[in-house]
């Protein structure tokens, strides 16, 4: 039997005000303990959920027109955790997968998502289009490549701009999602000082939230880059047998950036409206 979490919206508001976490102790083997989360989005709201997988990146994105996307799918050994969290979010379909990188920590569950969640489209870096077609065309989905400097309309009041990745050895997608022309979410996929310098030369404006590249390695996310984009919030995913750079955490702290690590803070829910955004964290028990 599925039980709806009563008063979630009030709890989210209170948690934002008081700086608290919502801690959901949910045992996946106990059906009586199942809980359903509803993002409670208004017509023009956008919802992000940075999922706290044991290994890899996956961000669920819910759009104003009720479309949905998954940015990354995590590694294969995180499949159970991924589908448990999507189930608790009441996600039964994912319209589009955005695949920022082809490594296992980002693409390990593409086939499972395609098979289970009625996905229609896969988006990949333009340089990786042939690779994606060879891997996924048998699933009868549209496979499209995003090119540098393109601006795509994801929904009303939601657009994405693709940044260059010339220094990357493997195909990668780094992009900025803009909502209501007010809030910018920077999804960095490569931690490279050289590449960050290219982005800065193209011109960057302050962003609301930075998804830190490569699980917080010290190879990038430099002080100059942080000064340029001036994020209010930084979010770091977890990689198996990988630790976030202590030097990076120090830079984030000294720059007064609110930092969330999914390994410690749980899934990070961001609800965005025209004027503001709210953040709350949710802990699941696998």
C-alpha atoms as a PDB file:
ATOM      1  CA  UNK A   1       0.000   0.000   0.000  1.00  0.00           C
ATOM      2  CA  UNK A   2       1.305   3.391  -0.937  1.00  0.00           C
ATOM      3  CA  UNK A   3       1.042   6.182   1.603  1.00  0.00           C
ATOM      4  CA  UNK A   4       1.206   9.848   0.718  1.00  0.00           C
ATOM      5  CA  UNK A   5       3.498  11.968   2.821  1.00  0.00           C
ATOM      6  CA  UNK A   6       1.054  14.363   4.500  1.00  0.00           C
ATOM      7  CA  UNK A   7       2.146  17.949   4.869  1.00  0.00           C
ATOM      8  CA  UNK A   8       5.274  17.701   2.700  1.00  0.00           C
ATOM      9  CA  UNK A   9       4.863  21.202   1.293  1.00  0.00           C
ATOM     10  CA  UNK A  10       4.605  22.756   4.754  1.00  0.00           C
ATOM     11  CA  UNK A  11       7.621  20.800   5.866  1.00  0.00           C
ATOM     12  CA  UNK A  12       9.615  21.966   2.851  1.00  0.00           C
ATOM     13  CA  UNK A  13       8.773  25.601   3.609  1.00  0.00           C
ATOM     14  CA  UNK A  14       9.709  25.115   7.262  1.00  0.00           C
ATOM     15  CA  UNK A  15      12.908  23.287   6.382  1.00  0.00           C
ATOM     16  CA  UNK A  16      14.004  26.092   4.053  1.00  0.00           C
ATOM     17  CA  UNK A  17      13.236  28.682   6.701  1.00  0.00           C
ATOM     18  CA  UNK A  18      14.986  26.831   9.510  1.00  0.00           C
ATOM     19  CA  UNK A  19      17.740  25.211   7.464  1.00  0.00           C
ATOM     20  CA  UNK A  20      16.580  21.684   8.299  1.00  0.00           C
ATOM     21  CA  UNK A  21      16.750  18.436   6.366  1.00  0.00           C
ATOM     22  CA  UNK A  22      13.783  16.211   5.640  1.00  0.00           C
ATOM     23  CA  UNK A  23      14.892  12.696   6.566  1.00  0.00           C
ATOM     24  CA  UNK A  24      12.803   9.979   4.972  1.00  0.00           C
ATOM     25  CA  UNK A  25      13.610   6.592   6.398  1.00  0.00           C
ATOM     26  CA  UNK A  26      12.256   4.420   3.614  1.00  0.00           C
ATOM     27  CA  UNK A  27      12.983   0.717   3.449  1.00  0.00           C
ATOM     28  CA  UNK A  28      12.634  -0.481  -0.127  1.00  0.00           C
ATOM     29  CA  UNK A  29      11.661  -4.005   1.005  1.00  0.00           C
ATOM     30  CA  UNK A  30       8.871  -2.857   3.305  1.00  0.00           C
ATOM     31  CA  UNK A  31       5.780  -1.942   1.265  1.00  0.00           C
ATOM     32  CA  UNK A  32       3.951  -0.611   4.320  1.00  0.00           C
ATOM     33  CA  UNK A  33       6.679   2.001   4.763  1.00  0.00           C
ATOM     34  CA  UNK A  34       6.510   3.321   1.228  1.00  0.00           C
ATOM     35  CA  UNK A  35       6.261   7.077   0.896  1.00  0.00           C
ATOM     36  CA  UNK A  36       5.453   9.221  -2.115  1.00  0.00           C
ATOM     37  CA  UNK A  37       6.984  12.639  -2.679  1.00  0.00           C
ATOM     38  CA  UNK A  38       5.231  15.226  -4.824  1.00  0.00           C
ATOM     39  CA  UNK A  39       7.182  18.262  -5.963  1.00  0.00           C
ATOM     40  CA  UNK A  40       3.917  20.283  -5.875  1.00  0.00           C
ATOM     41  CA  UNK A  41       4.925  22.462  -8.814  1.00  0.00           C
ATOM     42  CA  UNK A  42       2.806  25.390  -9.879  1.00  0.00           C
ATOM     43  CA  UNK A  43       2.120  26.007 -13.577  1.00  0.00           C
ATOM     44  CA  UNK A  44       5.360  27.884 -14.324  1.00  0.00           C
ATOM     45  CA  UNK A  45       7.572  26.214 -11.704  1.00  0.00           C
ATOM     46  CA  UNK A  46      10.531  23.986 -12.496  1.00  0.00           C
ATOM     47  CA  UNK A  47      11.751  21.222 -10.220  1.00  0.00           C
ATOM     48  CA  UNK A  48      15.263  19.753  -9.960  1.00  0.00           C
ATOM     49  CA  UNK A  49      16.194  16.740  -7.857  1.00  0.00           C
ATOM     50  CA  UNK A  50      19.913  16.018  -7.579  1.00  0.00           C
ATOM     51  CA  UNK A  51      19.723  12.345  -6.635  1.00  0.00           C
ATOM     52  CA  UNK A  52      21.935  10.913  -3.902  1.00  0.00           C
ATOM     53  CA  UNK A  53      23.149   7.806  -5.692  1.00  0.00           C
ATOM     54  CA  UNK A  54      25.974   5.737  -4.175  1.00  0.00           C
ATOM     55  CA  UNK A  55      27.954   6.076  -7.395  1.00  0.00           C
ATOM     56  CA  UNK A  56      27.430   8.529 -10.218  1.00  0.00           C
ATOM     57  CA  UNK A  57      25.388  11.518 -11.367  1.00  0.00           C
ATOM     58  CA  UNK A  58      21.663  11.730 -12.035  1.00  0.00           C
ATOM     59  CA  UNK A  59      19.437  14.797 -11.837  1.00  0.00           C
ATOM     60  CA  UNK A  60      15.680  14.591 -12.353  1.00  0.00           C
ATOM     61  CA  UNK A  61      14.192  17.674 -14.025  1.00  0.00           C
ATOM     62  CA  UNK A  62      10.458  18.377 -14.134  1.00  0.00           C
ATOM     63  CA  UNK A  63       9.317  21.082 -16.548  1.00  0.00           C
ATOM     64  CA  UNK A  64       6.297  23.430 -16.569  1.00  0.00           C
ATOM     65  CA  UNK A  65       4.571  21.519 -19.368  1.00  0.00           C
ATOM     66  CA  UNK A  66       4.823  18.352 -17.250  1.00  0.00           C
ATOM     67  CA  UNK A  67       7.673  17.051 -19.373  1.00  0.00           C
ATOM     68  CA  UNK A  68      10.531  15.348 -17.558  1.00  0.00           C
ATOM     69  CA  UNK A  69      14.238  14.791 -18.081  1.00  0.00           C
ATOM     70  CA  UNK A  70      17.027  12.830 -16.467  1.00  0.00           C
ATOM     71  CA  UNK A  71      20.488  14.387 -16.679  1.00  0.00           C
ATOM     72  CA  UNK A  72      22.783  11.403 -16.329  1.00  0.00           C
ATOM     73  CA  UNK A  73      21.661   7.993 -15.057  1.00  0.00           C
ATOM     74  CA  UNK A  74      24.346   7.060 -12.545  1.00  0.00           C
ATOM     75  CA  UNK A  75      26.443   3.911 -12.632  1.00  0.00           C
ATOM     76  CA  UNK A  76      24.989   0.441 -13.063  1.00  0.00           C
ATOM     77  CA  UNK A  77      25.716  -0.502  -9.452  1.00  0.00           C
ATOM     78  CA  UNK A  78      23.414   2.382  -8.405  1.00  0.00           C
ATOM     79  CA  UNK A  79      20.425   1.127 -10.435  1.00  0.00           C
ATOM     80  CA  UNK A  80      18.359   0.041  -7.416  1.00  0.00           C
ATOM     81  CA  UNK A  81      18.954   3.377  -5.691  1.00  0.00           C
ATOM     82  CA  UNK A  82      18.053   5.310  -8.852  1.00  0.00           C
ATOM     83  CA  UNK A  83      14.737   3.547  -9.430  1.00  0.00           C
ATOM     84  CA  UNK A  84      13.815   3.630  -5.738  1.00  0.00           C
ATOM     85  CA  UNK A  85      14.244   7.412  -5.682  1.00  0.00           C
ATOM     86  CA  UNK A  86      12.316   7.906  -8.914  1.00  0.00           C
ATOM     87  CA  UNK A  87       9.526   5.739  -7.519  1.00  0.00           C
ATOM     88  CA  UNK A  88       9.369   7.812  -4.327  1.00  0.00           C
ATOM     89  CA  UNK A  89       9.159  10.922  -6.513  1.00  0.00           C
ATOM     90  CA  UNK A  90       6.176   9.335  -8.260  1.00  0.00           C
ATOM     91  CA  UNK A  91       8.071   9.283 -11.575  1.00  0.00           C
ATOM     92  CA  UNK A  92       6.597   6.756 -13.989  1.00  0.00           C
ATOM     93  CA  UNK A  93       7.980   8.239 -17.227  1.00  0.00           C
ATOM     94  CA  UNK A  94      11.082  10.168 -18.247  1.00  0.00           C
ATOM     95  CA  UNK A  95      10.651  11.848 -21.622  1.00  0.00           C
ATOM     96  CA  UNK A  96      14.313  12.663 -22.269  1.00  0.00           C
ATOM     97  CA  UNK A  97      17.728  11.512 -21.102  1.00  0.00           C
ATOM     98  CA  UNK A  98      20.482  14.115 -21.334  1.00  0.00           C
ATOM     99  CA  UNK A  99      23.787  12.251 -21.333  1.00  0.00           C
ATOM    100  CA  UNK A 100      26.584  14.689 -20.415  1.00  0.00           C
ATOM    101  CA  UNK A 101      29.295  12.015 -20.611  1.00  0.00           C
ATOM    102  CA  UNK A 102      29.570   8.397 -21.746  1.00  0.00           C
ATOM    103  CA  UNK A 103      31.557   7.070 -18.770  1.00  0.00           C
ATOM    104  CA  UNK A 104      29.844   4.507 -16.549  1.00  0.00           C
ATOM    105  CA  UNK A 105      29.155   6.962 -13.690  1.00  0.00           C
ATOM    106  CA  UNK A 106      26.897   8.943 -16.043  1.00  0.00           C
ATOM    107  CA  UNK A 107      25.504   6.368 -18.461  1.00  0.00           C
ATOM    108  CA  UNK A 108      25.320   3.095 -16.554  1.00  0.00           C
ATOM    109  CA  UNK A 109      21.525   2.892 -16.464  1.00  0.00           C
ATOM    110  CA  UNK A 110      20.533   4.311 -19.840  1.00  0.00           C
ATOM    111  CA  UNK A 111      19.205   0.976 -21.112  1.00  0.00           C
ATOM    112  CA  UNK A 112      17.177   0.371 -17.938  1.00  0.00           C
ATOM    113  CA  UNK A 113      15.622   3.845 -18.069  1.00  0.00           C
ATOM    114  CA  UNK A 114      14.767   3.389 -21.747  1.00  0.00           C
ATOM    115  CA  UNK A 115      13.145   0.050 -21.014  1.00  0.00           C
ATOM    116  CA  UNK A 116      11.201   1.030 -17.902  1.00  0.00           C
ATOM    117  CA  UNK A 117      10.305   4.722 -18.186  1.00  0.00           C
ATOM    118  CA  UNK A 118       9.019   5.170 -21.747  1.00  0.00           C
ATOM    119  CA  UNK A 119      11.805   7.523 -22.759  1.00  0.00           C
ATOM    120  CA  UNK A 120      11.449   9.026 -26.236  1.00  0.00           C
ATOM    121  CA  UNK A 121      14.690  11.000 -26.698  1.00  0.00           C
ATOM    122  CA  UNK A 122      18.368  10.845 -25.824  1.00  0.00           C
ATOM    123  CA  UNK A 123      20.516  13.991 -25.997  1.00  0.00           C
ATOM    124  CA  UNK A 124      24.295  13.616 -26.271  1.00  0.00           C
ATOM    125  CA  UNK A 125      27.292  15.787 -27.196  1.00  0.00           C
ATOM    126  CA  UNK A 126      27.367  16.312 -30.948  1.00  0.00           C
ATOM    127  CA  UNK A 127      30.824  14.707 -31.084  1.00  0.00           C
ATOM    128  CA  UNK A 128      29.391  11.566 -29.510  1.00  0.00           C
ATOM    129  CA  UNK A 129      26.358  11.231 -31.748  1.00  0.00           C
ATOM    130  CA  UNK A 130      27.690   8.274 -33.754  1.00  0.00           C
ATOM    131  CA  UNK A 131      28.644   6.460 -30.570  1.00  0.00           C
ATOM    132  CA  UNK A 132      25.187   7.002 -29.088  1.00  0.00           C
ATOM    133  CA  UNK A 133      23.445   5.821 -32.258  1.00  0.00           C
ATOM    134  CA  UNK A 134      25.474   2.611 -32.295  1.00  0.00           C
ATOM    135  CA  UNK A 135      24.688   1.950 -28.633  1.00  0.00           C
ATOM    136  CA  UNK A 136      21.037   2.962 -28.346  1.00  0.00           C
ATOM    137  CA  UNK A 137      19.328   2.979 -31.757  1.00  0.00           C
ATOM    138  CA  UNK A 138      17.920  -0.502 -31.127  1.00  0.00           C
ATOM    139  CA  UNK A 139      15.613   1.055 -28.513  1.00  0.00           C
ATOM    140  CA  UNK A 140      13.770   3.035 -31.183  1.00  0.00           C
ATOM    141  CA  UNK A 141      14.315   6.444 -29.593  1.00  0.00           C
ATOM    142  CA  UNK A 142      15.287   9.777 -31.125  1.00  0.00           C
ATOM    143  CA  UNK A 143      18.997  10.447 -30.600  1.00  0.00           C
ATOM    144  CA  UNK A 144      20.110  14.033 -31.086  1.00  0.00           C
ATOM    145  CA  UNK A 145      23.361  15.902 -30.588  1.00  0.00           C
ATOM    146  CA  UNK A 146      23.750  19.292 -28.966  1.00  0.00           C
ATOM    147  CA  UNK A 147      26.431  21.539 -30.450  1.00  0.00           C
ATOM    148  CA  UNK A 148      28.523  24.251 -28.881  1.00  0.00           C
ATOM    149  CA  UNK A 149      26.847  27.675 -28.588  1.00  0.00           C
ATOM    150  CA  UNK A 150      23.392  26.299 -29.415  1.00  0.00           C
ATOM    151  CA  UNK A 151      20.476  27.585 -27.371  1.00  0.00           C
ATOM    152  CA  UNK A 152      17.603  25.158 -26.966  1.00  0.00           C
ATOM    153  CA  UNK A 153      14.122  25.856 -25.632  1.00  0.00           C
ATOM    154  CA  UNK A 154      13.215  23.069 -23.235  1.00  0.00           C
ATOM    155  CA  UNK A 155       9.865  24.551 -22.254  1.00  0.00           C
ATOM    156  CA  UNK A 156       8.156  27.857 -21.724  1.00  0.00           C
ATOM    157  CA  UNK A 157      10.573  30.047 -19.726  1.00  0.00           C
ATOM    158  CA  UNK A 158      13.229  27.322 -19.737  1.00  0.00           C
ATOM    159  CA  UNK A 159      16.230  27.344 -22.098  1.00  0.00           C
ATOM    160  CA  UNK A 160      19.636  25.695 -22.236  1.00  0.00           C
ATOM    161  CA  UNK A 161      22.890  27.049 -23.677  1.00  0.00           C
ATOM    162  CA  UNK A 162      25.658  24.601 -24.602  1.00  0.00           C
ATOM    163  CA  UNK A 163      29.205  25.656 -23.747  1.00  0.00           C
ATOM    164  CA  UNK A 164      32.399  24.636 -25.618  1.00  0.00           C
ATOM    165  CA  UNK A 165      34.346  21.503 -24.713  1.00  0.00           C
ATOM    166  CA  UNK A 166      37.341  21.736 -27.067  1.00  0.00           C
ATOM    167  CA  UNK A 167      39.815  20.584 -24.436  1.00  0.00           C
ATOM    168  CA  UNK A 168      37.905  17.423 -23.586  1.00  0.00           C
ATOM    169  CA  UNK A 169      39.317  14.108 -24.811  1.00  0.00           C
ATOM    170  CA  UNK A 170      35.953  12.377 -24.545  1.00  0.00           C
ATOM    171  CA  UNK A 171      32.673  13.929 -25.785  1.00  0.00           C
ATOM    172  CA  UNK A 172      31.077  15.977 -23.027  1.00  0.00           C
ATOM    173  CA  UNK A 173      28.185  18.353 -22.515  1.00  0.00           C
ATOM    174  CA  UNK A 174      28.507  21.386 -20.293  1.00  0.00           C
ATOM    175  CA  UNK A 175      25.486  23.668 -20.320  1.00  0.00           C
ATOM    176  CA  UNK A 176      23.576  26.359 -18.479  1.00  0.00           C
ATOM    177  CA  UNK A 177      19.838  26.042 -17.902  1.00  0.00           C
ATOM    178  CA  UNK A 178      18.077  29.400 -17.578  1.00  0.00           C
ATOM    179  CA  UNK A 179      14.643  29.682 -15.981  1.00  0.00           C
ATOM    180  CA  UNK A 180      12.396  32.759 -16.287  1.00  0.00           C
ATOM    181  CA  UNK A 181      15.472  34.724 -17.453  1.00  0.00           C
ATOM    182  CA  UNK A 182      16.320  34.982 -13.762  1.00  0.00           C
ATOM    183  CA  UNK A 183      17.884  31.759 -12.489  1.00  0.00           C
ATOM    184  CA  UNK A 184      20.828  29.998 -14.090  1.00  0.00           C
ATOM    185  CA  UNK A 185      21.875  26.434 -13.271  1.00  0.00           C
ATOM    186  CA  UNK A 186      25.404  25.597 -14.468  1.00  0.00           C
ATOM    187  CA  UNK A 187      25.947  21.874 -15.218  1.00  0.00           C
ATOM    188  CA  UNK A 188      29.724  21.498 -15.527  1.00  0.00           C
ATOM    189  CA  UNK A 189      30.973  18.184 -16.923  1.00  0.00           C
ATOM    190  CA  UNK A 190      34.740  18.729 -17.182  1.00  0.00           C
ATOM    191  CA  UNK A 191      37.052  19.975 -14.450  1.00  0.00           C
ATOM    192  CA  UNK A 192      39.715  21.716 -16.488  1.00  0.00           C
ATOM    193  CA  UNK A 193      41.383  25.057 -15.850  1.00  0.00           C
ATOM    194  CA  UNK A 194      42.031  25.447 -19.586  1.00  0.00           C
ATOM    195  CA  UNK A 195      38.391  24.830 -20.448  1.00  0.00           C
ATOM    196  CA  UNK A 196      37.148  27.118 -17.693  1.00  0.00           C
ATOM    197  CA  UNK A 197      39.306  29.863 -19.195  1.00  0.00           C
ATOM    198  CA  UNK A 198      37.581  29.297 -22.562  1.00  0.00           C
ATOM    199  CA  UNK A 199      34.181  29.578 -20.901  1.00  0.00           C
ATOM    200  CA  UNK A 200      35.192  32.793 -19.159  1.00  0.00           C
ATOM    201  CA  UNK A 201      36.403  34.289 -22.464  1.00  0.00           C
ATOM    202  CA  UNK A 202      32.969  33.542 -23.965  1.00  0.00           C
ATOM    203  CA  UNK A 203      31.418  35.611 -21.181  1.00  0.00           C
ATOM    204  CA  UNK A 204      29.691  34.210 -18.124  1.00  0.00           C
ATOM    205  CA  UNK A 205      27.232  35.804 -15.752  1.00  0.00           C
ATOM    206  CA  UNK A 206      26.525  34.898 -12.113  1.00  0.00           C
ATOM    207  CA  UNK A 207      24.580  31.677 -11.623  1.00  0.00           C
ATOM    208  CA  UNK A 208      22.241  30.492  -8.914  1.00  0.00           C
ATOM    209  CA  UNK A 209      23.513  26.917  -8.683  1.00  0.00           C
ATOM    210  CA  UNK A 210      26.676  25.167  -9.874  1.00  0.00           C
ATOM    211  CA  UNK A 211      26.712  21.411 -10.377  1.00  0.00           C
ATOM    212  CA  UNK A 212      30.387  20.803  -9.768  1.00  0.00           C
ATOM    213  CA  UNK A 213      32.253  18.773 -12.412  1.00  0.00           C
ATOM    214  CA  UNK A 214      33.863  15.365 -11.943  1.00  0.00           C
ATOM    215  CA  UNK A 215      32.711  14.731  -8.385  1.00  0.00           C
ATOM    216  CA  UNK A 216      34.790  17.523  -6.912  1.00  0.00           C
ATOM    217  CA  UNK A 217      38.290  16.817  -8.188  1.00  0.00           C
ATOM    218  CA  UNK A 218      40.863  19.561  -7.649  1.00  0.00           C
ATOM    219  CA  UNK A 219      41.745  19.647 -11.350  1.00  0.00           C
ATOM    220  CA  UNK A 220      39.234  22.430 -12.003  1.00  0.00           C
ATOM    221  CA  UNK A 221      36.539  24.584 -10.386  1.00  0.00           C
ATOM    222  CA  UNK A 222      39.267  27.158  -9.879  1.00  0.00           C
ATOM    223  CA  UNK A 223      38.984  30.286  -7.789  1.00  0.00           C
ATOM    224  CA  UNK A 224      38.964  32.415 -10.934  1.00  0.00           C
ATOM    225  CA  UNK A 225      36.067  30.386 -12.327  1.00  0.00           C
ATOM    226  CA  UNK A 226      34.126  30.621  -9.060  1.00  0.00           C
ATOM    227  CA  UNK A 227      34.696  34.373  -8.934  1.00  0.00           C
ATOM    228  CA  UNK A 228      33.412  34.719 -12.496  1.00  0.00           C
ATOM    229  CA  UNK A 229      30.167  32.749 -12.111  1.00  0.00           C
ATOM    230  CA  UNK A 230      29.673  33.661  -8.427  1.00  0.00           C
ATOM    231  CA  UNK A 231      27.308  30.770  -7.574  1.00  0.00           C
ATOM    232  CA  UNK A 232      25.068  30.953  -4.546  1.00  0.00           C
ATOM    233  CA  UNK A 233      24.974  27.151  -4.220  1.00  0.00           C
ATOM    234  CA  UNK A 234      27.300  24.296  -5.250  1.00  0.00           C
ATOM    235  CA  UNK A 235      26.184  20.659  -5.501  1.00  0.00           C
ATOM    236  CA  UNK A 236      28.568  17.706  -5.584  1.00  0.00           C
ATOM    237  CA  UNK A 237      27.640  14.147  -6.525  1.00  0.00           C
ATOM    238  CA  UNK A 238      29.242  11.030  -5.053  1.00  0.00           C
ATOM    239  CA  UNK A 239      31.661   8.671  -6.789  1.00  0.00           C
ATOM    240  CA  UNK A 240      32.533   5.234  -5.456  1.00  0.00           C
ATOM    241  CA  UNK A 241      35.984   5.216  -3.871  1.00  0.00           C
ATOM    242  CA  UNK A 242      36.339   8.903  -4.617  1.00  0.00           C
ATOM    243  CA  UNK A 243      36.628  11.821  -2.198  1.00  0.00           C
ATOM    244  CA  UNK A 244      35.907  15.479  -2.784  1.00  0.00           C
ATOM    245  CA  UNK A 245      39.062  17.577  -2.875  1.00  0.00           C
ATOM    246  CA  UNK A 246      39.711  19.265   0.457  1.00  0.00           C
ATOM    247  CA  UNK A 247      41.199  22.228  -1.429  1.00  0.00           C
ATOM    248  CA  UNK A 248      38.016  22.590  -3.471  1.00  0.00           C
ATOM    249  CA  UNK A 249      35.818  22.481  -0.367  1.00  0.00           C
ATOM    250  CA  UNK A 250      38.021  25.163   1.161  1.00  0.00           C
ATOM    251  CA  UNK A 251      37.628  27.338  -1.949  1.00  0.00           C
ATOM    252  CA  UNK A 252      33.857  26.948  -1.857  1.00  0.00           C
ATOM    253  CA  UNK A 253      33.755  27.781   1.849  1.00  0.00           C
ATOM    254  CA  UNK A 254      35.998  30.818   1.524  1.00  0.00           C
ATOM    255  CA  UNK A 255      33.848  32.102  -1.357  1.00  0.00           C
ATOM    256  CA  UNK A 256      30.738  31.837   0.860  1.00  0.00           C
ATOM    257  CA  UNK A 257      29.026  29.299  -1.404  1.00  0.00           C
ATOM    258  CA  UNK A 258      26.415  27.057   0.229  1.00  0.00           C
ATOM    259  CA  UNK A 259      27.661  23.554  -0.532  1.00  0.00           C
ATOM    260  CA  UNK A 260      25.642  20.334  -0.677  1.00  0.00           C
ATOM    261  CA  UNK A 261      27.264  16.924  -1.013  1.00  0.00           C
ATOM    262  CA  UNK A 262      24.749  14.235  -1.899  1.00  0.00           C
ATOM    263  CA  UNK A 263      26.787  11.669   0.055  1.00  0.00           C
ATOM    264  CA  UNK A 264      26.229  13.681   3.224  1.00  0.00           C
ATOM    265  CA  UNK A 265      23.134  15.794   2.605  1.00  0.00           C
ATOM    266  CA  UNK A 266      21.018  13.330   0.592  1.00  0.00           C
ATOM    267  CA  UNK A 267      19.018  14.184  -2.511  1.00  0.00           C
ATOM    268  CA  UNK A 268      18.819  17.938  -3.100  1.00  0.00           C
ATOM    269  CA  UNK A 269      15.417  19.217  -4.236  1.00  0.00           C
ATOM    270  CA  UNK A 270      15.293  22.658  -5.839  1.00  0.00           C
ATOM    271  CA  UNK A 271      11.923  24.194  -6.664  1.00  0.00           C
ATOM    272  CA  UNK A 272      12.187  27.256  -8.921  1.00  0.00           C
ATOM    273  CA  UNK A 273       9.560  29.896  -9.638  1.00  0.00           C
ATOM    274  CA  UNK A 274       9.697  33.212 -11.435  1.00  0.00           C
ATOM    275  CA  UNK A 275      11.008  35.120  -8.445  1.00  0.00           C
ATOM    276  CA  UNK A 276      12.940  32.733  -6.255  1.00  0.00           C
ATOM    277  CA  UNK A 277      13.944  29.161  -5.552  1.00  0.00           C
ATOM    278  CA  UNK A 278      13.739  26.873  -2.531  1.00  0.00           C
ATOM    279  CA  UNK A 279      16.084  24.072  -1.506  1.00  0.00           C
ATOM    280  CA  UNK A 280      15.384  21.093   0.704  1.00  0.00           C
ATOM    281  CA  UNK A 281      17.306  17.848   1.190  1.00  0.00           C
ATOM    282  CA  UNK A 282      15.804  14.388   1.493  1.00  0.00           C
ATOM    283  CA  UNK A 283      17.477  11.267   2.896  1.00  0.00           C
ATOM    284  CA  UNK A 284      16.397   7.856   1.635  1.00  0.00           C
ATOM    285  CA  UNK A 285      17.165   4.515   3.221  1.00  0.00           C
ATOM    286  CA  UNK A 286      17.923   1.914   0.586  1.00  0.00           C
END
